[in-house]
Amino acid sequence: IEPGYFEKFPLSIGQLPEDADQLVF
């Protein structure tokens, strides 16, 4: 990623927890 730019890094994730309101990466 060169200066002045950004990029998105996609992931498919699961199964998301049922007992949490957020996930910290």
PDB file of all heavy atoms in Angstrom:
ATOM      1  N   ILE A   1       0.875  -1.187   0.000  1.00  0.00           N
ATOM      2  CA  ILE A   1       0.000   0.000   0.000  1.00  0.00           C
ATOM      3  C   ILE A   1       0.903   1.225   0.000  1.00  0.00           C
ATOM      4  O   ILE A   1       1.571   1.532   0.992  1.00  0.00           O
ATOM      5  CB  ILE A   1      -0.919   0.016   1.231  1.00  0.00           C
ATOM      6  CG1 ILE A   1      -1.688  -1.305   1.357  1.00  0.00           C
ATOM      7  CG2 ILE A   1      -1.906   1.172   1.138  1.00  0.00           C
ATOM      8  CD1 ILE A   1      -2.506  -1.417   2.623  1.00  0.00           C
ATOM      9  N   GLU A   2       0.910   1.955  -1.084  1.00  0.00           N
ATOM     10  CA  GLU A   2       1.786   3.110  -1.226  1.00  0.00           C
ATOM     11  C   GLU A   2       1.220   4.330  -0.499  1.00  0.00           C
ATOM     12  O   GLU A   2       0.029   4.370  -0.163  1.00  0.00           O
ATOM     13  CB  GLU A   2       2.005   3.411  -2.706  1.00  0.00           C
ATOM     14  CG  GLU A   2       2.690   2.275  -3.469  1.00  0.00           C
ATOM     15  CD  GLU A   2       2.962   2.634  -4.907  1.00  0.00           C
ATOM     16  OE1 GLU A   2       4.019   3.224  -5.172  1.00  0.00           O
ATOM     17  OE2 GLU A   2       2.114   2.327  -5.762  1.00  0.00           O
ATOM     18  N   PRO A   3       2.046   5.342  -0.240  1.00  0.00           N
ATOM     19  CA  PRO A   3       1.582   6.562   0.425  1.00  0.00           C
ATOM     20  C   PRO A   3       0.404   7.184  -0.310  1.00  0.00           C
ATOM     21  O   PRO A   3       0.382   7.249  -1.543  1.00  0.00           O
ATOM     22  CB  PRO A   3       2.819   7.479   0.378  1.00  0.00           C
ATOM     23  CG  PRO A   3       3.972   6.527   0.356  1.00  0.00           C
ATOM     24  CD  PRO A   3       3.509   5.371  -0.477  1.00  0.00           C
ATOM     25  N   GLY A   4      -0.590   7.622   0.472  1.00  0.00           N
ATOM     26  CA  GLY A   4      -1.782   8.237  -0.105  1.00  0.00           C
ATOM     27  C   GLY A   4      -2.874   7.262  -0.499  1.00  0.00           C
ATOM     28  O   GLY A   4      -3.893   7.671  -1.053  1.00  0.00           O
ATOM     29  N   TYR A   5      -2.693   5.970  -0.179  1.00  0.00           N
ATOM     30  CA  TYR A   5      -3.682   4.958  -0.550  1.00  0.00           C
ATOM     31  C   TYR A   5      -4.075   4.107   0.662  1.00  0.00           C
ATOM     32  O   TYR A   5      -3.407   4.119   1.692  1.00  0.00           O
ATOM     33  CB  TYR A   5      -3.137   4.034  -1.645  1.00  0.00           C
ATOM     34  CG  TYR A   5      -2.963   4.707  -2.979  1.00  0.00           C
ATOM     35  CD1 TYR A   5      -1.770   5.377  -3.280  1.00  0.00           C
ATOM     36  CD2 TYR A   5      -3.975   4.694  -3.934  1.00  0.00           C
ATOM     37  CE1 TYR A   5      -1.599   6.009  -4.506  1.00  0.00           C
ATOM     38  CE2 TYR A   5      -3.814   5.316  -5.159  1.00  0.00           C
ATOM     39  CZ  TYR A   5      -2.627   5.975  -5.439  1.00  0.00           C
ATOM     40  OH  TYR A   5      -2.462   6.603  -6.651  1.00  0.00           O
ATOM     41  N   PHE A   6      -5.188   3.384   0.500  1.00  0.00           N
ATOM     42  CA  PHE A   6      -5.593   2.400   1.499  1.00  0.00           C
ATOM     43  C   PHE A   6      -6.028   1.144   0.760  1.00  0.00           C
ATOM     44  O   PHE A   6      -6.226   1.147  -0.458  1.00  0.00           O
ATOM     45  CB  PHE A   6      -6.733   2.923   2.388  1.00  0.00           C
ATOM     46  CG  PHE A   6      -8.094   2.899   1.725  1.00  0.00           C
ATOM     47  CD1 PHE A   6      -8.943   1.797   1.856  1.00  0.00           C
ATOM     48  CD2 PHE A   6      -8.528   3.964   0.956  1.00  0.00           C
ATOM     49  CE1 PHE A   6     -10.180   1.762   1.240  1.00  0.00           C
ATOM     50  CE2 PHE A   6      -9.773   3.943   0.334  1.00  0.00           C
ATOM     51  CZ  PHE A   6     -10.604   2.843   0.484  1.00  0.00           C
ATOM     52  N   GLU A   7      -6.200   0.080   1.511  1.00  0.00           N
ATOM     53  CA  GLU A   7      -6.652  -1.178   0.910  1.00  0.00           C
ATOM     54  C   GLU A   7      -7.520  -1.938   1.910  1.00  0.00           C
ATOM     55  O   GLU A   7      -7.349  -1.793   3.121  1.00  0.00           O
ATOM     56  CB  GLU A   7      -5.460  -2.029   0.482  1.00  0.00           C
ATOM     57  CG  GLU A   7      -5.828  -3.143  -0.501  1.00  0.00           C
ATOM     58  CD  GLU A   7      -4.651  -3.579  -1.356  1.00  0.00           C
ATOM     59  OE1 GLU A   7      -3.588  -2.927  -1.302  1.00  0.00           O
ATOM     60  OE2 GLU A   7      -4.810  -4.578  -2.065  1.00  0.00           O
ATOM     61  N   LYS A   8      -8.450  -2.736   1.367  1.00  0.00           N
ATOM     62  CA  LYS A   8      -9.313  -3.563   2.212  1.00  0.00           C
ATOM     63  C   LYS A   8      -8.882  -5.023   2.110  1.00  0.00           C
ATOM     64  O   LYS A   8      -8.614  -5.524   1.019  1.00  0.00           O
ATOM     65  CB  LYS A   8     -10.777  -3.423   1.784  1.00  0.00           C
ATOM     66  CG  LYS A   8     -11.376  -2.056   2.069  1.00  0.00           C
ATOM     67  CD  LYS A   8     -12.840  -2.014   1.652  1.00  0.00           C
ATOM     68  CE  LYS A   8     -13.462  -0.663   1.955  1.00  0.00           C
ATOM     69  NZ  LYS A   8     -14.894  -0.619   1.546  1.00  0.00           N
ATOM     70  N   PHE A   9      -8.861  -5.688   3.276  1.00  0.00           N
ATOM     71  CA  PHE A   9      -8.472  -7.084   3.359  1.00  0.00           C
ATOM     72  C   PHE A   9      -9.682  -7.888   3.844  1.00  0.00           C
ATOM     73  O   PHE A   9     -10.001  -7.879   5.036  1.00  0.00           O
ATOM     74  CB  PHE A   9      -7.286  -7.239   4.309  1.00  0.00           C
ATOM     75  CG  PHE A   9      -6.041  -6.538   3.843  1.00  0.00           C
ATOM     76  CD1 PHE A   9      -5.895  -5.168   4.006  1.00  0.00           C
ATOM     77  CD2 PHE A   9      -5.017  -7.244   3.233  1.00  0.00           C
ATOM     78  CE1 PHE A   9      -4.751  -4.505   3.569  1.00  0.00           C
ATOM     79  CE2 PHE A   9      -3.865  -6.600   2.793  1.00  0.00           C
ATOM     80  CZ  PHE A   9      -3.733  -5.221   2.958  1.00  0.00           C
ATOM     81  N   PRO A  10     -10.388  -8.583   2.947  1.00  0.00           N
ATOM     82  CA  PRO A  10     -11.629  -9.288   3.312  1.00  0.00           C
ATOM     83  C   PRO A  10     -11.406 -10.679   3.881  1.00  0.00           C
ATOM     84  O   PRO A  10     -10.487 -11.402   3.485  1.00  0.00           O
ATOM     85  CB  PRO A  10     -12.396  -9.349   1.986  1.00  0.00           C
ATOM     86  CG  PRO A  10     -11.338  -9.334   0.945  1.00  0.00           C
ATOM     87  CD  PRO A  10     -10.160  -8.571   1.493  1.00  0.00           C
ATOM     88  N   LEU A  11     -12.282 -11.042   4.823  1.00  0.00           N
ATOM     89  CA  LEU A  11     -12.286 -12.371   5.421  1.00  0.00           C
ATOM     90  C   LEU A  11     -13.724 -12.829   5.605  1.00  0.00           C
ATOM     91  O   LEU A  11     -14.602 -12.038   5.963  1.00  0.00           O
ATOM     92  CB  LEU A  11     -11.602 -12.367   6.788  1.00  0.00           C
ATOM     93  CG  LEU A  11     -10.077 -12.219   6.867  1.00  0.00           C
ATOM     94  CD1 LEU A  11      -9.660 -12.123   8.322  1.00  0.00           C
ATOM     95  CD2 LEU A  11      -9.383 -13.381   6.190  1.00  0.00           C
ATOM     96  N   SER A  12     -13.953 -14.114   5.394  1.00  0.00           N
ATOM     97  CA  SER A  12     -15.230 -14.728   5.760  1.00  0.00           C
ATOM     98  C   SER A  12     -15.008 -15.431   7.097  1.00  0.00           C
ATOM     99  O   SER A  12     -14.130 -16.287   7.210  1.00  0.00           O
ATOM    100  CB  SER A  12     -15.663 -15.728   4.694  1.00  0.00           C
ATOM    101  OG  SER A  12     -16.816 -16.443   5.121  1.00  0.00           O
ATOM    102  N   ILE A  13     -15.803 -15.056   8.103  1.00  0.00           N
ATOM    103  CA  ILE A  13     -15.584 -15.596   9.446  1.00  0.00           C
ATOM    104  C   ILE A  13     -16.880 -16.140  10.043  1.00  0.00           C
ATOM    105  O   ILE A  13     -17.978 -15.734   9.688  1.00  0.00           O
ATOM    106  CB  ILE A  13     -14.993 -14.531  10.391  1.00  0.00           C
ATOM    107  CG1 ILE A  13     -15.960 -13.345  10.531  1.00  0.00           C
ATOM    108  CG2 ILE A  13     -13.636 -14.051   9.897  1.00  0.00           C
ATOM    109  CD1 ILE A  13     -15.506 -12.305  11.542  1.00  0.00           C
ATOM    110  N   GLY A  14     -16.718 -17.074  10.967  1.00  0.00           N
ATOM    111  CA  GLY A  14     -17.857 -17.632  11.678  1.00  0.00           C
ATOM    112  C   GLY A  14     -17.413 -18.853  12.491  1.00  0.00           C
ATOM    113  O   GLY A  14     -16.274 -19.273  12.397  1.00  0.00           O
ATOM    114  N   GLN A  15     -18.214 -19.387  13.220  1.00  0.00           N
ATOM    115  CA  GLN A  15     -19.523 -18.909  13.624  1.00  0.00           C
ATOM    116  C   GLN A  15     -19.329 -17.857  14.708  1.00  0.00           C
ATOM    117  O   GLN A  15     -18.582 -18.064  15.648  1.00  0.00           O
ATOM    118  CB  GLN A  15     -20.373 -20.082  14.137  1.00  0.00           C
ATOM    119  CG  GLN A  15     -21.770 -19.763  14.453  1.00  0.00           C
ATOM    120  CD  GLN A  15     -22.549 -21.051  14.787  1.00  0.00           C
ATOM    121  OE1 GLN A  15     -22.056 -22.157  14.766  1.00  0.00           O
ATOM    122  NE2 GLN A  15     -23.805 -20.872  15.126  1.00  0.00           N
ATOM    123  N   LEU A  16     -19.980 -16.701  14.550  1.00  0.00           N
ATOM    124  CA  LEU A  16     -19.817 -15.616  15.503  1.00  0.00           C
ATOM    125  C   LEU A  16     -20.430 -16.002  16.845  1.00  0.00           C
ATOM    126  O   LEU A  16     -21.445 -16.706  16.890  1.00  0.00           O
ATOM    127  CB  LEU A  16     -20.468 -14.337  14.963  1.00  0.00           C
ATOM    128  CG  LEU A  16     -19.892 -13.814  13.638  1.00  0.00           C
ATOM    129  CD1 LEU A  16     -20.692 -12.625  13.140  1.00  0.00           C
ATOM    130  CD2 LEU A  16     -18.430 -13.444  13.795  1.00  0.00           C
ATOM    131  N   PRO A  17     -19.833 -15.553  17.938  1.00  0.00           N
ATOM    132  CA  PRO A  17     -20.343 -15.941  19.265  1.00  0.00           C
ATOM    133  C   PRO A  17     -21.733 -15.365  19.524  1.00  0.00           C
ATOM    134  O   PRO A  17     -22.087 -14.307  19.005  1.00  0.00           O
ATOM    135  CB  PRO A  17     -19.307 -15.344  20.223  1.00  0.00           C
ATOM    136  CG  PRO A  17     -18.694 -14.224  19.458  1.00  0.00           C
ATOM    137  CD  PRO A  17     -18.662 -14.661  18.036  1.00  0.00           C
ATOM    138  N   GLU A  18     -22.494 -16.071  20.334  1.00  0.00           N
ATOM    139  CA  GLU A  18     -23.834 -15.609  20.699  1.00  0.00           C
ATOM    140  C   GLU A  18     -23.839 -14.862  22.039  1.00  0.00           C
ATOM    141  O   GLU A  18     -24.826 -14.223  22.377  1.00  0.00           O
ATOM    142  CB  GLU A  18     -24.796 -16.803  20.773  1.00  0.00           C
ATOM    143  CG  GLU A  18     -24.956 -17.538  19.444  1.00  0.00           C
ATOM    144  CD  GLU A  18     -25.910 -18.718  19.556  1.00  0.00           C
ATOM    145  OE1 GLU A  18     -26.366 -19.001  20.693  1.00  0.00           O
ATOM    146  OE2 GLU A  18     -26.190 -19.353  18.532  1.00  0.00           O
ATOM    147  N   ASP A  19     -22.727 -14.989  22.790  1.00  0.00           N
ATOM    148  CA  ASP A  19     -22.669 -14.391  24.126  1.00  0.00           C
ATOM    149  C   ASP A  19     -21.722 -13.194  24.193  1.00  0.00           C
ATOM    150  O   ASP A  19     -21.143 -12.904  25.238  1.00  0.00           O
ATOM    151  CB  ASP A  19     -22.245 -15.441  25.156  1.00  0.00           C
ATOM    152  CG  ASP A  19     -20.901 -16.082  24.799  1.00  0.00           C
ATOM    153  OD1 ASP A  19     -20.434 -15.871  23.659  1.00  0.00           O
ATOM    154  OD2 ASP A  19     -20.341 -16.779  25.658  1.00  0.00           O
ATOM    155  N   ALA A  20     -21.530 -12.502  23.060  1.00  0.00           N
ATOM    156  CA  ALA A  20     -20.647 -11.335  23.037  1.00  0.00           C
ATOM    157  C   ALA A  20     -21.263 -10.258  22.151  1.00  0.00           C
ATOM    158  O   ALA A  20     -21.995 -10.559  21.196  1.00  0.00           O
ATOM    159  CB  ALA A  20     -19.258 -11.709  22.530  1.00  0.00           C
ATOM    160  N   ASP A  21     -20.983  -9.002  22.479  1.00  0.00           N
ATOM    161  CA  ASP A  21     -21.492  -7.879  21.695  1.00  0.00           C
ATOM    162  C   ASP A  21     -20.465  -7.372  20.690  1.00  0.00           C
ATOM    163  O   ASP A  21     -20.812  -6.617  19.783  1.00  0.00           O
ATOM    164  CB  ASP A  21     -21.908  -6.726  22.624  1.00  0.00           C
ATOM    165  CG  ASP A  21     -23.078  -7.101  23.519  1.00  0.00           C
ATOM    166  OD1 ASP A  21     -23.960  -7.845  23.054  1.00  0.00           O
ATOM    167  OD2 ASP A  21     -23.103  -6.658  24.687  1.00  0.00           O
ATOM    168  N   GLN A  22     -19.222  -7.765  20.868  1.00  0.00           N
ATOM    169  CA  GLN A  22     -18.174  -7.318  19.962  1.00  0.00           C
ATOM    170  C   GLN A  22     -16.984  -8.272  19.995  1.00  0.00           C
ATOM    171  O   GLN A  22     -16.831  -9.061  20.921  1.00  0.00           O
ATOM    172  CB  GLN A  22     -17.714  -5.906  20.332  1.00  0.00           C
ATOM    173  CG  GLN A  22     -17.077  -5.822  21.703  1.00  0.00           C
ATOM    174  CD  GLN A  22     -16.643  -4.403  22.076  1.00  0.00           C
ATOM    175  OE1 GLN A  22     -17.171  -3.419  21.535  1.00  0.00           O
ATOM    176  NE2 GLN A  22     -15.693  -4.273  22.963  1.00  0.00           N
ATOM    177  N   LEU A  23     -16.172  -8.196  18.952  1.00  0.00           N
ATOM    178  CA  LEU A  23     -14.932  -8.960  18.867  1.00  0.00           C
ATOM    179  C   LEU A  23     -13.785  -7.984  18.632  1.00  0.00           C
ATOM    180  O   LEU A  23     -13.888  -7.088  17.784  1.00  0.00           O
ATOM    181  CB  LEU A  23     -14.982  -9.979  17.733  1.00  0.00           C
ATOM    182  CG  LEU A  23     -15.953 -11.161  17.886  1.00  0.00           C
ATOM    183  CD1 LEU A  23     -15.919 -12.029  16.635  1.00  0.00           C
ATOM    184  CD2 LEU A  23     -15.627 -11.982  19.121  1.00  0.00           C
ATOM    185  N   VAL A  24     -12.707  -8.159  19.381  1.00  0.00           N
ATOM    186  CA  VAL A  24     -11.546  -7.284  19.261  1.00  0.00           C
ATOM    187  C   VAL A  24     -10.437  -8.033  18.530  1.00  0.00           C
ATOM    188  O   VAL A  24     -10.054  -9.137  18.923  1.00  0.00           O
ATOM    189  CB  VAL A  24     -11.049  -6.818  20.645  1.00  0.00           C
ATOM    190  CG1 VAL A  24      -9.810  -5.944  20.493  1.00  0.00           C
ATOM    191  CG2 VAL A  24     -12.148  -6.056  21.382  1.00  0.00           C
ATOM    192  N   PHE A  25      -9.938  -7.426  17.448  1.00  0.00           N
ATOM    193  CA  PHE A  25      -8.842  -7.999  16.666  1.00  0.00           C
ATOM    194  C   PHE A  25      -7.627  -7.075  16.805  1.00  0.00           C
ATOM    195  O   PHE A  25      -7.710  -5.900  16.450  1.00  0.00           O
ATOM    196  CB  PHE A  25      -9.223  -8.115  15.189  1.00  0.00           C
ATOM    197  CG  PHE A  25     -10.429  -8.971  14.928  1.00  0.00           C
ATOM    198  CD1 PHE A  25     -11.707  -8.430  14.967  1.00  0.00           C
ATOM    199  CD2 PHE A  25     -10.294 -10.315  14.637  1.00  0.00           C
ATOM    200  CE1 PHE A  25     -12.816  -9.212  14.714  1.00  0.00           C
ATOM    201  CE2 PHE A  25     -11.402 -11.111  14.384  1.00  0.00           C
ATOM    202  CZ  PHE A  25     -12.672 -10.554  14.433  1.00  0.00           C
TER     203      PHE A  25
END
